[in-house]
Amino acid sequence: MLRKELIKRLEKLVHYRYSKKDLTKMVNDIFGVDNIEIEWNCYEDGGLSDYNAMFSTCENDKVKKNLQGDFDIYYLKCKRPNDCGQEVYVTEIGYEF
């Protein structure tokens, strides 16, 4: 997979609601692995900003070298999970290879 294709796949996650568990599984599926863990640090600067979750594939031997990097998922918390357990709304994906 090329970086452009990876970015397109990650960008398709934007503007949808997910449970944290489902979003983690989708990220692993995009990279074709099963060991990426997302750090849901929920950093907020006190204003009306998105929350930030992070993961890195830099030290992951299962991820191809050209796809290794640091990634951010910016999201909003849903006021309450819906019946499917969707609790976050993804607003943007950040990446650095």
PDB file of N, CA and C in Angstrom:
ATOM      1  N   MET A   1       0.845  -1.171   0.000  1.00  0.00           N
ATOM      2  CA  MET A   1       0.000   0.000   0.000  1.00  0.00           C
ATOM      3  C   MET A   1       0.897   1.243   0.000  1.00  0.00           C
ATOM      4  N   LEU A   2       0.496   2.235  -0.751  1.00  0.00           N
ATOM      5  CA  LEU A   2       1.212   3.498  -0.798  1.00  0.00           C
ATOM      6  C   LEU A   2       0.689   4.441   0.284  1.00  0.00           C
ATOM      7  N   ARG A   3       1.484   5.443   0.614  1.00  0.00           N
ATOM      8  CA  ARG A   3       1.072   6.420   1.628  1.00  0.00           C
ATOM      9  C   ARG A   3      -0.215   7.128   1.215  1.00  0.00           C
ATOM     10  N   LYS A   4      -0.342   7.474  -0.077  1.00  0.00           N
ATOM     11  CA  LYS A   4      -1.553   8.155  -0.549  1.00  0.00           C
ATOM     12  C   LYS A   4      -2.793   7.317  -0.283  1.00  0.00           C
ATOM     13  N   GLU A   5      -2.686   6.023  -0.522  1.00  0.00           N
ATOM     14  CA  GLU A   5      -3.813   5.117  -0.294  1.00  0.00           C
ATOM     15  C   GLU A   5      -4.133   5.021   1.199  1.00  0.00           C
ATOM     16  N   LEU A   6      -3.090   4.952   2.018  1.00  0.00           N
ATOM     17  CA  LEU A   6      -3.287   4.912   3.468  1.00  0.00           C
ATOM     18  C   LEU A   6      -3.997   6.172   3.950  1.00  0.00           C
ATOM     19  N   ILE A   7      -3.546   7.317   3.480  1.00  0.00           N
ATOM     20  CA  ILE A   7      -4.155   8.584   3.891  1.00  0.00           C
ATOM     21  C   ILE A   7      -5.619   8.622   3.479  1.00  0.00           C
ATOM     22  N   LYS A   8      -5.934   8.185   2.278  1.00  0.00           N
ATOM     23  CA  LYS A   8      -7.334   8.155   1.830  1.00  0.00           C
ATOM     24  C   LYS A   8      -8.185   7.272   2.730  1.00  0.00           C
ATOM     25  N   ARG A   9      -7.644   6.113   3.093  1.00  0.00           N
ATOM     26  CA  ARG A   9      -8.391   5.197   3.965  1.00  0.00           C
ATOM     27  C   ARG A   9      -8.625   5.813   5.342  1.00  0.00           C
ATOM     28  N   LEU A  10      -7.607   6.459   5.882  1.00  0.00           N
ATOM     29  CA  LEU A  10      -7.758   7.108   7.190  1.00  0.00           C
ATOM     30  C   LEU A  10      -8.730   8.282   7.114  1.00  0.00           C
ATOM     31  N   GLU A  11      -8.663   9.055   6.042  1.00  0.00           N
ATOM     32  CA  GLU A  11      -9.552  10.211   5.881  1.00  0.00           C
ATOM     33  C   GLU A  11     -11.019   9.788   5.768  1.00  0.00           C
ATOM     34  N   LYS A  12     -11.272   8.565   5.306  1.00  0.00           N
ATOM     35  CA  LYS A  12     -12.652   8.075   5.207  1.00  0.00           C
ATOM     36  C   LYS A  12     -13.287   7.869   6.584  1.00  0.00           C
ATOM     37  N   LEU A  13     -12.482   7.882   7.634  1.00  0.00           N
ATOM     38  CA  LEU A  13     -13.006   7.752   8.996  1.00  0.00           C
ATOM     39  C   LEU A  13     -13.631   9.050   9.499  1.00  0.00           C
ATOM     40  N   VAL A  14     -13.310  10.168   8.844  1.00  0.00           N
ATOM     41  CA  VAL A  14     -13.748  11.486   9.289  1.00  0.00           C
ATOM     42  C   VAL A  14     -15.241  11.687   9.027  1.00  0.00           C
ATOM     43  N   HIS A  15     -15.893  12.371   9.959  1.00  0.00           N
ATOM     44  CA  HIS A  15     -17.315  12.749   9.905  1.00  0.00           C
ATOM     45  C   HIS A  15     -18.257  11.576  10.155  1.00  0.00           C
ATOM     46  N   TYR A  16     -17.800  10.607  10.948  1.00  0.00           N
ATOM     47  CA  TYR A  16     -18.652   9.492  11.351  1.00  0.00           C
ATOM     48  C   TYR A  16     -18.495   9.254  12.841  1.00  0.00           C
ATOM     49  N   ARG A  17     -19.500   8.597  13.424  1.00  0.00           N
ATOM     50  CA  ARG A  17     -19.477   8.241  14.838  1.00  0.00           C
ATOM     51  C   ARG A  17     -19.015   6.791  14.994  1.00  0.00           C
ATOM     52  N   TYR A  18     -18.267   6.543  16.075  1.00  0.00           N
ATOM     53  CA  TYR A  18     -17.736   5.207  16.351  1.00  0.00           C
ATOM     54  C   TYR A  18     -17.704   4.970  17.852  1.00  0.00           C
ATOM     55  N   SER A  19     -17.677   3.710  18.233  1.00  0.00           N
ATOM     56  CA  SER A  19     -17.254   3.381  19.590  1.00  0.00           C
ATOM     57  C   SER A  19     -15.726   3.352  19.545  1.00  0.00           C
ATOM     58  N   LYS A  20     -15.093   3.541  20.671  1.00  0.00           N
ATOM     59  CA  LYS A  20     -13.629   3.515  20.705  1.00  0.00           C
ATOM     60  C   LYS A  20     -13.109   2.138  20.271  1.00  0.00           C
ATOM     61  N   LYS A  21     -13.798   1.102  20.677  1.00  0.00           N
ATOM     62  CA  LYS A  21     -13.398  -0.261  20.323  1.00  0.00           C
ATOM     63  C   LYS A  21     -13.483  -0.474  18.812  1.00  0.00           C
ATOM     64  N   ASP A  22     -14.581  -0.039  18.202  1.00  0.00           N
ATOM     65  CA  ASP A  22     -14.745  -0.211  16.755  1.00  0.00           C
ATOM     66  C   ASP A  22     -13.730   0.613  15.969  1.00  0.00           C
ATOM     67  N   LEU A  23     -13.459   1.835  16.426  1.00  0.00           N
ATOM     68  CA  LEU A  23     -12.491   2.674  15.735  1.00  0.00           C
ATOM     69  C   LEU A  23     -11.089   2.072  15.815  1.00  0.00           C
ATOM     70  N   THR A  24     -10.733   1.522  16.961  1.00  0.00           N
ATOM     71  CA  THR A  24      -9.436   0.856  17.107  1.00  0.00           C
ATOM     72  C   THR A  24      -9.337  -0.324  16.144  1.00  0.00           C
ATOM     73  N   LYS A  25     -10.400  -1.105  16.043  1.00  0.00           N
ATOM     74  CA  LYS A  25     -10.405  -2.246  15.114  1.00  0.00           C
ATOM     75  C   LYS A  25     -10.275  -1.774  13.668  1.00  0.00           C
ATOM     76  N   MET A  26     -10.959  -0.695  13.313  1.00  0.00           N
ATOM     77  CA  MET A  26     -10.892  -0.176  11.948  1.00  0.00           C
ATOM     78  C   MET A  26      -9.479   0.309  11.616  1.00  0.00           C
ATOM     79  N   VAL A  27      -8.826   0.965  12.547  1.00  0.00           N
ATOM     80  CA  VAL A  27      -7.449   1.422  12.326  1.00  0.00           C
ATOM     81  C   VAL A  27      -6.540   0.219  12.108  1.00  0.00           C
ATOM     82  N   ASN A  28      -6.691  -0.813  12.925  1.00  0.00           N
ATOM     83  CA  ASN A  28      -5.883  -2.022  12.749  1.00  0.00           C
ATOM     84  C   ASN A  28      -6.149  -2.657  11.393  1.00  0.00           C
ATOM     85  N   ASP A  29      -7.405  -2.692  10.970  1.00  0.00           N
ATOM     86  CA  ASP A  29      -7.749  -3.266   9.666  1.00  0.00           C
ATOM     87  C   ASP A  29      -7.123  -2.464   8.527  1.00  0.00           C
ATOM     88  N   ILE A  30      -7.110  -1.149   8.641  1.00  0.00           N
ATOM     89  CA  ILE A  30      -6.508  -0.304   7.609  1.00  0.00           C
ATOM     90  C   ILE A  30      -5.030  -0.626   7.442  1.00  0.00           C
ATOM     91  N   PHE A  31      -4.333  -0.830   8.560  1.00  0.00           N
ATOM     92  CA  PHE A  31      -2.903  -1.148   8.509  1.00  0.00           C
ATOM     93  C   PHE A  31      -2.638  -2.636   8.298  1.00  0.00           C
ATOM     94  N   GLY A  32      -3.664  -3.461   8.379  1.00  0.00           N
ATOM     95  CA  GLY A  32      -3.490  -4.895   8.185  1.00  0.00           C
ATOM     96  C   GLY A  32      -2.783  -5.590   9.329  1.00  0.00           C
ATOM     97  N   VAL A  33      -2.967  -5.076  10.537  1.00  0.00           N
ATOM     98  CA  VAL A  33      -2.338  -5.664  11.722  1.00  0.00           C
ATOM     99  C   VAL A  33      -3.401  -5.820  12.809  1.00  0.00           C
ATOM    100  N   ASP A  34      -2.980  -6.324  13.958  1.00  0.00           N
ATOM    101  CA  ASP A  34      -3.926  -6.490  15.066  1.00  0.00           C
ATOM    102  C   ASP A  34      -3.365  -5.980  16.394  1.00  0.00           C
ATOM    103  N   ASN A  35      -2.299  -5.181  16.330  1.00  0.00           N
ATOM    104  CA  ASN A  35      -1.650  -4.784  17.578  1.00  0.00           C
ATOM    105  C   ASN A  35      -1.469  -3.278  17.760  1.00  0.00           C
ATOM    106  N   ILE A  36      -2.198  -2.461  17.012  1.00  0.00           N
ATOM    107  CA  ILE A  36      -2.121  -1.013  17.219  1.00  0.00           C
ATOM    108  C   ILE A  36      -3.058  -0.634  18.357  1.00  0.00           C
ATOM    109  N   GLU A  37      -2.517   0.079  19.320  1.00  0.00           N
ATOM    110  CA  GLU A  37      -3.321   0.555  20.446  1.00  0.00           C
ATOM    111  C   GLU A  37      -3.419   2.067  20.372  1.00  0.00           C
ATOM    112  N   ILE A  38      -4.629   2.567  20.491  1.00  0.00           N
ATOM    113  CA  ILE A  38      -4.853   4.008  20.452  1.00  0.00           C
ATOM    114  C   ILE A  38      -4.850   4.541  21.880  1.00  0.00           C
ATOM    115  N   GLU A  39      -4.093   5.604  22.092  1.00  0.00           N
ATOM    116  CA  GLU A  39      -4.045   6.264  23.404  1.00  0.00           C
ATOM    117  C   GLU A  39      -5.135   7.330  23.433  1.00  0.00           C
ATOM    118  N   TRP A  40      -6.184   7.040  24.157  1.00  0.00           N
ATOM    119  CA  TRP A  40      -7.316   7.966  24.261  1.00  0.00           C
ATOM    120  C   TRP A  40      -7.042   8.945  25.390  1.00  0.00           C
ATOM    121  N   ASN A  41      -6.126   9.869  25.150  1.00  0.00           N
ATOM    122  CA  ASN A  41      -5.702  10.772  26.221  1.00  0.00           C
ATOM    123  C   ASN A  41      -6.688  11.899  26.482  1.00  0.00           C
ATOM    124  N   CYS A  42      -7.610  12.142  25.582  1.00  0.00           N
ATOM    125  CA  CYS A  42      -8.672  13.125  25.792  1.00  0.00           C
ATOM    126  C   CYS A  42      -8.132  14.484  26.172  1.00  0.00           C
ATOM    127  N   TYR A  43      -7.018  14.875  25.607  1.00  0.00           N
ATOM    128  CA  TYR A  43      -6.470  16.194  25.902  1.00  0.00           C
ATOM    129  C   TYR A  43      -7.433  17.267  25.412  1.00  0.00           C
ATOM    130  N   GLU A  44      -7.693  18.206  26.253  1.00  0.00           N
ATOM    131  CA  GLU A  44      -8.531  19.343  25.892  1.00  0.00           C
ATOM    132  C   GLU A  44      -7.890  20.581  26.485  1.00  0.00           C
ATOM    133  N   ASP A  45      -7.811  21.638  25.715  1.00  0.00           N
ATOM    134  CA  ASP A  45      -7.129  22.831  26.195  1.00  0.00           C
ATOM    135  C   ASP A  45      -8.035  23.769  26.991  1.00  0.00           C
ATOM    136  N   GLY A  46      -9.226  23.317  27.329  1.00  0.00           N
ATOM    137  CA  GLY A  46     -10.125  24.135  28.125  1.00  0.00           C
ATOM    138  C   GLY A  46     -11.087  24.955  27.293  1.00  0.00           C
ATOM    139  N   GLY A  47     -10.854  25.014  25.991  1.00  0.00           N
ATOM    140  CA  GLY A  47     -11.736  25.764  25.104  1.00  0.00           C
ATOM    141  C   GLY A  47     -12.669  24.829  24.354  1.00  0.00           C
ATOM    142  N   LEU A  48     -13.178  25.320  23.267  1.00  0.00           N
ATOM    143  CA  LEU A  48     -14.077  24.522  22.445  1.00  0.00           C
ATOM    144  C   LEU A  48     -13.267  23.806  21.373  1.00  0.00           C
ATOM    145  N   SER A  49     -12.438  22.898  21.801  1.00  0.00           N
ATOM    146  CA  SER A  49     -11.567  22.201  20.862  1.00  0.00           C
ATOM    147  C   SER A  49     -11.910  20.723  20.810  1.00  0.00           C
ATOM    148  N   ASP A  50     -11.382  20.085  19.790  1.00  0.00           N
ATOM    149  CA  ASP A  50     -11.539  18.641  19.648  1.00  0.00           C
ATOM    150  C   ASP A  50     -10.671  17.939  20.688  1.00  0.00           C
ATOM    151  N   TYR A  51     -11.028  16.717  20.979  1.00  0.00           N
ATOM    152  CA  TYR A  51     -10.174  15.856  21.784  1.00  0.00           C
ATOM    153  C   TYR A  51      -9.162  15.196  20.858  1.00  0.00           C
ATOM    154  N   ASN A  52      -8.109  14.651  21.416  1.00  0.00           N
ATOM    155  CA  ASN A  52      -7.039  14.079  20.612  1.00  0.00           C
ATOM    156  C   ASN A  52      -6.724  12.674  21.112  1.00  0.00           C
ATOM    157  N   ALA A  53      -6.707  11.737  20.186  1.00  0.00           N
ATOM    158  CA  ALA A  53      -6.255  10.380  20.476  1.00  0.00           C
ATOM    159  C   ALA A  53      -5.063  10.109  19.561  1.00  0.00           C
ATOM    160  N   MET A  54      -4.096   9.364  20.051  1.00  0.00           N
ATOM    161  CA  MET A  54      -2.866   9.179  19.283  1.00  0.00           C
ATOM    162  C   MET A  54      -2.499   7.707  19.181  1.00  0.00           C
ATOM    163  N   PHE A  55      -1.785   7.396  18.092  1.00  0.00           N
ATOM    164  CA  PHE A  55      -1.142   6.094  17.978  1.00  0.00           C
ATOM    165  C   PHE A  55       0.070   6.233  17.079  1.00  0.00           C
ATOM    166  N   SER A  56       0.999   5.320  17.243  1.00  0.00           N
ATOM    167  CA  SER A  56       2.228   5.332  16.454  1.00  0.00           C
ATOM    168  C   SER A  56       2.452   3.945  15.862  1.00  0.00           C
ATOM    169  N   THR A  57       2.963   3.935  14.643  1.00  0.00           N
ATOM    170  CA  THR A  57       3.330   2.663  14.020  1.00  0.00           C
ATOM    171  C   THR A  57       4.844   2.584  13.821  1.00  0.00           C
ATOM    172  N   CYS A  58       5.583   3.538  14.413  1.00  0.00           N
ATOM    173  CA  CYS A  58       7.030   3.615  14.205  1.00  0.00           C
ATOM    174  C   CYS A  58       7.784   2.395  14.717  1.00  0.00           C
ATOM    175  N   GLU A  59       7.366   1.843  15.822  1.00  0.00           N
ATOM    176  CA  GLU A  59       8.065   0.703  16.425  1.00  0.00           C
ATOM    177  C   GLU A  59       7.345  -0.618  16.142  1.00  0.00           C
ATOM    178  N   ASN A  60       6.396  -0.592  15.216  1.00  0.00           N
ATOM    179  CA  ASN A  60       5.588  -1.776  14.939  1.00  0.00           C
ATOM    180  C   ASN A  60       6.194  -2.555  13.781  1.00  0.00           C
ATOM    181  N   ASP A  61       6.768  -3.721  14.070  1.00  0.00           N
ATOM    182  CA  ASP A  61       7.429  -4.535  13.048  1.00  0.00           C
ATOM    183  C   ASP A  61       6.453  -5.095  12.024  1.00  0.00           C
ATOM    184  N   LYS A  62       5.163  -5.137  12.366  1.00  0.00           N
ATOM    185  CA  LYS A  62       4.169  -5.690  11.443  1.00  0.00           C
ATOM    186  C   LYS A  62       3.735  -4.680  10.372  1.00  0.00           C
ATOM    187  N   VAL A  63       4.053  -3.394  10.572  1.00  0.00           N
ATOM    188  CA  VAL A  63       3.662  -2.344   9.632  1.00  0.00           C
ATOM    189  C   VAL A  63       4.835  -2.084   8.685  1.00  0.00           C
ATOM    190  N   LYS A  64       4.527  -2.004   7.387  1.00  0.00           N
ATOM    191  CA  LYS A  64       5.572  -1.743   6.396  1.00  0.00           C
ATOM    192  C   LYS A  64       6.297  -0.435   6.711  1.00  0.00           C
ATOM    193  N   LYS A  65       7.601  -0.406   6.441  1.00  0.00           N
ATOM    194  CA  LYS A  65       8.437   0.753   6.780  1.00  0.00           C
ATOM    195  C   LYS A  65       7.902   2.050   6.178  1.00  0.00           C
ATOM    196  N   ASN A  66       7.387   2.000   4.925  1.00  0.00           N
ATOM    197  CA  ASN A  66       6.930   3.238   4.286  1.00  0.00           C
ATOM    198  C   ASN A  66       5.632   3.767   4.886  1.00  0.00           C
ATOM    199  N   LEU A  67       4.973   2.977   5.748  1.00  0.00           N
ATOM    200  CA  LEU A  67       3.723   3.403   6.375  1.00  0.00           C
ATOM    201  C   LEU A  67       3.885   3.702   7.861  1.00  0.00           C
ATOM    202  N   GLN A  68       5.106   3.640   8.342  1.00  0.00           N
ATOM    203  CA  GLN A  68       5.336   3.898   9.757  1.00  0.00           C
ATOM    204  C   GLN A  68       5.342   5.393  10.029  1.00  0.00           C
ATOM    205  N   GLY A  69       4.675   5.775  11.108  1.00  0.00           N
ATOM    206  CA  GLY A  69       4.599   7.187  11.462  1.00  0.00           C
ATOM    207  C   GLY A  69       3.807   7.396  12.732  1.00  0.00           C
ATOM    208  N   ASP A  70       3.545   8.650  13.024  1.00  0.00           N
ATOM    209  CA  ASP A  70       2.743   9.039  14.186  1.00  0.00           C
ATOM    210  C   ASP A  70       1.430   9.612  13.685  1.00  0.00           C
ATOM    211  N   PHE A  71       0.324   9.227  14.337  1.00  0.00           N
ATOM    212  CA  PHE A  71      -1.007   9.581  13.862  1.00  0.00           C
ATOM    213  C   PHE A  71      -1.843  10.144  14.997  1.00  0.00           C
ATOM    214  N   ASP A  72      -2.687  11.101  14.658  1.00  0.00           N
ATOM    215  CA  ASP A  72      -3.622  11.703  15.610  1.00  0.00           C
ATOM    216  C   ASP A  72      -5.028  11.553  15.061  1.00  0.00           C
ATOM    217  N   ILE A  73      -5.944  11.232  15.940  1.00  0.00           N
ATOM    218  CA  ILE A  73      -7.362  11.225  15.603  1.00  0.00           C
ATOM    219  C   ILE A  73      -8.003  12.306  16.462  1.00  0.00           C
ATOM    220  N   TYR A  74      -8.535  13.313  15.812  1.00  0.00           N
ATOM    221  CA  TYR A  74      -9.222  14.386  16.529  1.00  0.00           C
ATOM    222  C   TYR A  74     -10.711  14.057  16.521  1.00  0.00           C
ATOM    223  N   TYR A  75     -11.330  14.216  17.673  1.00  0.00           N
ATOM    224  CA  TYR A  75     -12.727  13.802  17.777  1.00  0.00           C
ATOM    225  C   TYR A  75     -13.478  14.656  18.792  1.00  0.00           C
ATOM    226  N   LEU A  76     -14.773  14.580  18.691  1.00  0.00           N
ATOM    227  CA  LEU A  76     -15.658  15.183  19.679  1.00  0.00           C
ATOM    228  C   LEU A  76     -16.327  14.057  20.436  1.00  0.00           C
ATOM    229  N   LYS A  77     -16.554  14.264  21.718  1.00  0.00           N
ATOM    230  CA  LYS A  77     -17.302  13.280  22.494  1.00  0.00           C
ATOM    231  C   LYS A  77     -18.783  13.471  22.212  1.00  0.00           C
ATOM    232  N   CYS A  78     -19.485  12.372  22.014  1.00  0.00           N
ATOM    233  CA  CYS A  78     -20.936  12.446  21.862  1.00  0.00           C
ATOM    234  C   CYS A  78     -21.535  12.670  23.250  1.00  0.00           C
ATOM    235  N   LYS A  79     -22.629  13.388  23.317  1.00  0.00           N
ATOM    236  CA  LYS A  79     -23.237  13.661  24.627  1.00  0.00           C
ATOM    237  C   LYS A  79     -23.591  12.377  25.353  1.00  0.00           C
ATOM    238  N   ARG A  80     -24.045  11.395  24.599  1.00  0.00           N
ATOM    239  CA  ARG A  80     -24.283  10.066  25.156  1.00  0.00           C
ATOM    240  C   ARG A  80     -24.195   9.059  24.017  1.00  0.00           C
ATOM    241  N   PRO A  81     -23.684   7.878  24.307  1.00  0.00           N
ATOM    242  CA  PRO A  81     -23.580   6.859  23.260  1.00  0.00           C
ATOM    243  C   PRO A  81     -24.972   6.479  22.742  1.00  0.00           C
ATOM    244  N   ASN A  82     -25.048   6.203  21.446  1.00  0.00           N
ATOM    245  CA  ASN A  82     -26.323   5.744  20.909  1.00  0.00           C
ATOM    246  C   ASN A  82     -26.490   4.250  21.175  1.00  0.00           C
ATOM    247  N   ASP A  83     -27.516   3.640  20.622  1.00  0.00           N
ATOM    248  CA  ASP A  83     -27.783   2.221  20.877  1.00  0.00           C
ATOM    249  C   ASP A  83     -26.656   1.306  20.409  1.00  0.00           C
ATOM    250  N   CYS A  84     -25.857   1.772  19.450  1.00  0.00           N
ATOM    251  CA  CYS A  84     -24.734   0.971  18.947  1.00  0.00           C
ATOM    252  C   CYS A  84     -23.450   1.212  19.742  1.00  0.00           C
ATOM    253  N   GLY A  85     -23.512   2.058  20.771  1.00  0.00           N
ATOM    254  CA  GLY A  85     -22.335   2.335  21.595  1.00  0.00           C
ATOM    255  C   GLY A  85     -21.386   3.348  20.985  1.00  0.00           C
ATOM    256  N   GLN A  86     -21.832   4.038  19.939  1.00  0.00           N
ATOM    257  CA  GLN A  86     -20.962   5.017  19.305  1.00  0.00           C
ATOM    258  C   GLN A  86     -20.824   6.230  20.221  1.00  0.00           C
ATOM    259  N   GLU A  87     -19.574   6.536  20.586  1.00  0.00           N
ATOM    260  CA  GLU A  87     -19.326   7.556  21.593  1.00  0.00           C
ATOM    261  C   GLU A  87     -18.429   8.694  21.138  1.00  0.00           C
ATOM    262  N   VAL A  88     -17.799   8.559  19.969  1.00  0.00           N
ATOM    263  CA  VAL A  88     -16.931   9.622  19.464  1.00  0.00           C
ATOM    264  C   VAL A  88     -17.296   9.948  18.017  1.00  0.00           C
ATOM    265  N   TYR A  89     -17.117  11.219  17.662  1.00  0.00           N
ATOM    266  CA  TYR A  89     -17.351  11.704  16.297  1.00  0.00           C
ATOM    267  C   TYR A  89     -16.015  12.207  15.775  1.00  0.00           C
ATOM    268  N   VAL A  90     -15.454  11.544  14.767  1.00  0.00           N
ATOM    269  CA  VAL A  90     -14.133  11.884  14.260  1.00  0.00           C
ATOM    270  C   VAL A  90     -14.227  13.140  13.388  1.00  0.00           C
ATOM    271  N   THR A  91     -13.377  14.132  13.690  1.00  0.00           N
ATOM    272  CA  THR A  91     -13.392  15.396  12.959  1.00  0.00           C
ATOM    273  C   THR A  91     -12.198  15.586  12.039  1.00  0.00           C
ATOM    274  N   GLU A  92     -11.079  14.920  12.356  1.00  0.00           N
ATOM    275  CA  GLU A  92      -9.889  15.120  11.544  1.00  0.00           C
ATOM    276  C   GLU A  92      -8.864  14.024  11.857  1.00  0.00           C
ATOM    277  N   ILE A  93      -8.018  13.726  10.883  1.00  0.00           N
ATOM    278  CA  ILE A  93      -6.910  12.792  11.065  1.00  0.00           C
ATOM    279  C   ILE A  93      -5.615  13.553  10.794  1.00  0.00           C
ATOM    280  N   GLY A  94      -4.657  13.434  11.687  1.00  0.00           N
ATOM    281  CA  GLY A  94      -3.344  14.030  11.495  1.00  0.00           C
ATOM    282  C   GLY A  94      -2.304  12.936  11.369  1.00  0.00           C
ATOM    283  N   TYR A  95      -1.254  13.176  10.616  1.00  0.00           N
ATOM    284  CA  TYR A  95      -0.225  12.146  10.413  1.00  0.00           C
ATOM    285  C   TYR A  95       1.108  12.782  10.112  1.00  0.00           C
ATOM    286  N   GLU A  96       2.160  12.074  10.490  1.00  0.00           N
ATOM    287  CA  GLU A  96       3.528  12.471  10.185  1.00  0.00           C
ATOM    288  C   GLU A  96       4.329  11.207   9.934  1.00  0.00           C
ATOM    289  N   PHE A  97       4.847  11.081   8.731  1.00  0.00           N
ATOM    290  CA  PHE A  97       5.623   9.889   8.363  1.00  0.00           C
ATOM    291  C   PHE A  97       7.092  10.127   8.597  1.00  0.00           C
TER     292      PHE A  97
END
